[in-house]
Amino acid sequence: MLFLQAAPGGSSSSMLFIMLIFLVFMIFFTYLPNRKMKKEQAKFLESMKKGDEVVTNGGIVGKVTKVDSKSVTLEISPKNYITVLVSSVSKQLSEDFKK
C-alpha cells in the first residue's frame, strides 16, 4: 500500500497511471464475461425449437410447442398453453431438474 501513497510534492501522473490500470482490470473482469454470456444466450434463443423444455425469467417451466419470431408458446401442463416473449425465456431445463 505504500506505493499507492504519493510522495510529498510528487506528480499526479503515478496516481493517474494506477487509476488507468484499475480501469483496465474493471473492463476485463466485468465487460468481457458479460459479453460472452450474452452471445451464448442469443445462440440458445436462435436454436430453440419445438419440444425443448425451457424455464422463463419468471420461473415458469414448460415445453416449447411453437416458436415465432417474437413469441414462444409453452405447454405448462397437459392442454394448458401460454405465450411468452422469446426474450423472457431464460434457459433450457437442465437434466438435474428433470429427475
C-alpha atoms as a PDB file:
ATOM      1  CA  MET A   1       0.000   0.000   0.000  1.00  0.00           C
ATOM      2  CA  LEU A   2       2.971   2.265   0.347  1.00  0.00           C
ATOM      3  CA  PHE A   3       3.366   2.518  -3.405  1.00  0.00           C
ATOM      4  CA  LEU A   4      -0.137   3.994  -3.677  1.00  0.00           C
ATOM      5  CA  GLN A   5       0.761   6.937  -1.498  1.00  0.00           C
ATOM      6  CA  ALA A   6       2.015   9.966  -3.365  1.00  0.00           C
ATOM      7  CA  ALA A   7       5.347  11.317  -2.282  1.00  0.00           C
ATOM      8  CA  PRO A   8       5.270  14.839  -0.885  1.00  0.00           C
ATOM      9  CA  GLY A   9       5.384  17.170  -3.831  1.00  0.00           C
ATOM     10  CA  GLY A  10       5.180  14.162  -6.182  1.00  0.00           C
ATOM     11  CA  SER A  11       3.438  14.127  -9.504  1.00  0.00           C
ATOM     12  CA  SER A  12      -0.106  13.085 -10.090  1.00  0.00           C
ATOM     13  CA  SER A  13       0.950  11.024 -13.113  1.00  0.00           C
ATOM     14  CA  SER A  14       1.641   7.989 -10.923  1.00  0.00           C
ATOM     15  CA  MET A  15      -1.875   8.218  -9.490  1.00  0.00           C
ATOM     16  CA  LEU A  16      -3.279   8.597 -12.994  1.00  0.00           C
ATOM     17  CA  PHE A  17      -1.357   5.505 -14.098  1.00  0.00           C
ATOM     18  CA  ILE A  18      -2.752   3.472 -11.191  1.00  0.00           C
ATOM     19  CA  MET A  19      -6.292   4.632 -11.988  1.00  0.00           C
ATOM     20  CA  LEU A  20      -5.791   3.628 -15.627  1.00  0.00           C
ATOM     21  CA  ILE A  21      -4.594   0.154 -14.617  1.00  0.00           C
ATOM     22  CA  PHE A  22      -7.621  -0.184 -12.331  1.00  0.00           C
ATOM     23  CA  LEU A  23      -9.953   0.811 -15.167  1.00  0.00           C
ATOM     24  CA  VAL A  24      -8.431  -1.803 -17.467  1.00  0.00           C
ATOM     25  CA  PHE A  25      -8.947  -4.514 -14.845  1.00  0.00           C
ATOM     26  CA  MET A  26     -12.551  -3.428 -14.289  1.00  0.00           C
ATOM     27  CA  ILE A  27     -13.273  -3.688 -18.006  1.00  0.00           C
ATOM     28  CA  PHE A  28     -11.516  -7.039 -18.244  1.00  0.00           C
ATOM     29  CA  PHE A  29     -13.372  -8.623 -15.323  1.00  0.00           C
ATOM     30  CA  THR A  30     -16.859  -7.204 -15.938  1.00  0.00           C
ATOM     31  CA  TYR A  31     -17.443  -6.434 -19.597  1.00  0.00           C
ATOM     32  CA  LEU A  32     -15.833  -9.424 -21.296  1.00  0.00           C
ATOM     33  CA  PRO A  33     -17.591 -12.198 -19.285  1.00  0.00           C
ATOM     34  CA  ASN A  34     -20.960 -10.458 -19.741  1.00  0.00           C
ATOM     35  CA  ARG A  35     -20.377 -10.208 -23.473  1.00  0.00           C
ATOM     36  CA  LYS A  36     -19.647 -13.933 -23.679  1.00  0.00           C
ATOM     37  CA  MET A  37     -22.773 -14.782 -21.666  1.00  0.00           C
ATOM     38  CA  LYS A  38     -24.959 -12.588 -23.902  1.00  0.00           C
ATOM     39  CA  LYS A  39     -23.610 -14.328 -27.014  1.00  0.00           C
ATOM     40  CA  GLU A  40     -24.399 -17.742 -25.531  1.00  0.00           C
ATOM     41  CA  GLN A  41     -27.941 -16.615 -24.612  1.00  0.00           C
ATOM     42  CA  ALA A  42     -28.557 -15.254 -28.128  1.00  0.00           C
ATOM     43  CA  LYS A  43     -27.281 -18.514 -29.638  1.00  0.00           C
ATOM     44  CA  PHE A  44     -29.623 -20.506 -27.382  1.00  0.00           C
ATOM     45  CA  LEU A  45     -32.645 -18.371 -28.280  1.00  0.00           C
ATOM     46  CA  GLU A  46     -31.934 -18.757 -32.014  1.00  0.00           C
ATOM     47  CA  SER A  47     -31.581 -22.536 -31.743  1.00  0.00           C
ATOM     48  CA  MET A  48     -34.738 -23.037 -29.641  1.00  0.00           C
ATOM     49  CA  LYS A  49     -37.115 -25.489 -31.302  1.00  0.00           C
ATOM     50  CA  LYS A  50     -40.339 -27.375 -30.719  1.00  0.00           C
ATOM     51  CA  GLY A  51     -40.017 -29.969 -27.965  1.00  0.00           C
ATOM     52  CA  ASP A  52     -37.368 -28.184 -25.882  1.00  0.00           C
ATOM     53  CA  GLU A  53     -38.113 -27.830 -22.187  1.00  0.00           C
ATOM     54  CA  VAL A  54     -37.278 -24.320 -21.003  1.00  0.00           C
ATOM     55  CA  VAL A  55     -37.509 -22.037 -17.976  1.00  0.00           C
ATOM     56  CA  THR A  56     -38.694 -18.424 -18.270  1.00  0.00           C
ATOM     57  CA  ASN A  57     -37.345 -15.463 -16.295  1.00  0.00           C
ATOM     58  CA  GLY A  58     -40.451 -15.712 -14.107  1.00  0.00           C
ATOM     59  CA  GLY A  59     -39.692 -19.339 -13.220  1.00  0.00           C
ATOM     60  CA  ILE A  60     -42.338 -20.959 -15.422  1.00  0.00           C
ATOM     61  CA  VAL A  61     -41.286 -24.369 -16.719  1.00  0.00           C
ATOM     62  CA  GLY A  62     -42.767 -25.557 -19.976  1.00  0.00           C
ATOM     63  CA  LYS A  63     -42.309 -27.431 -23.220  1.00  0.00           C
ATOM     64  CA  VAL A  64     -41.966 -25.380 -26.413  1.00  0.00           C
ATOM     65  CA  THR A  65     -44.824 -26.119 -28.806  1.00  0.00           C
ATOM     66  CA  LYS A  66     -44.484 -23.185 -31.219  1.00  0.00           C
ATOM     67  CA  VAL A  67     -41.730 -20.672 -31.957  1.00  0.00           C
ATOM     68  CA  ASP A  68     -42.392 -17.395 -33.775  1.00  0.00           C
ATOM     69  CA  SER A  69     -40.009 -14.534 -34.411  1.00  0.00           C
ATOM     70  CA  LYS A  70     -41.034 -12.698 -31.228  1.00  0.00           C
ATOM     71  CA  SER A  71     -43.042 -15.179 -29.162  1.00  0.00           C
ATOM     72  CA  VAL A  72     -42.936 -18.758 -27.907  1.00  0.00           C
ATOM     73  CA  THR A  73     -45.897 -20.927 -26.945  1.00  0.00           C
ATOM     74  CA  LEU A  74     -45.240 -23.164 -23.949  1.00  0.00           C
ATOM     75  CA  GLU A  75     -47.230 -26.133 -22.706  1.00  0.00           C
ATOM     76  CA  ILE A  76     -47.065 -25.789 -18.928  1.00  0.00           C
ATOM     77  CA  SER A  77     -49.295 -28.786 -18.195  1.00  0.00           C
ATOM     78  CA  PRO A  78     -51.370 -31.095 -20.420  1.00  0.00           C
ATOM     79  CA  LYS A  79     -53.608 -28.930 -22.650  1.00  0.00           C
ATOM     80  CA  ASN A  80     -52.585 -25.682 -20.882  1.00  0.00           C
ATOM     81  CA  TYR A  81     -50.638 -23.286 -23.068  1.00  0.00           C
ATOM     82  CA  ILE A  82     -49.175 -19.840 -22.544  1.00  0.00           C
ATOM     83  CA  THR A  83     -47.485 -17.485 -24.969  1.00  0.00           C
ATOM     84  CA  VAL A  84     -44.415 -15.569 -23.798  1.00  0.00           C
ATOM     85  CA  LEU A  85     -41.871 -13.334 -25.472  1.00  0.00           C
ATOM     86  CA  VAL A  86     -38.735 -15.015 -26.767  1.00  0.00           C
ATOM     87  CA  SER A  87     -36.667 -12.629 -24.658  1.00  0.00           C
ATOM     88  CA  SER A  88     -38.332 -13.901 -21.471  1.00  0.00           C
ATOM     89  CA  VAL A  89     -37.031 -17.445 -21.973  1.00  0.00           C
ATOM     90  CA  SER A  90     -34.089 -17.799 -19.627  1.00  0.00           C
ATOM     91  CA  LYS A  91     -32.536 -21.198 -20.241  1.00  0.00           C
ATOM     92  CA  GLN A  92     -33.079 -24.774 -21.226  1.00  0.00           C
ATOM     93  CA  LEU A  93     -34.236 -27.076 -18.476  1.00  0.00           C
ATOM     94  CA  SER A  94     -31.288 -28.997 -17.027  1.00  0.00           C
ATOM     95  CA  GLU A  95     -31.206 -32.759 -16.587  1.00  0.00           C
ATOM     96  CA  ASP A  96     -30.769 -32.322 -12.806  1.00  0.00           C
ATOM     97  CA  PHE A  97     -34.166 -30.596 -12.558  1.00  0.00           C
ATOM     98  CA  LYS A  98     -35.928 -33.256 -14.631  1.00  0.00           C
ATOM     99  CA  LYS A  99     -35.039 -36.055 -12.171  1.00  0.00           C
END
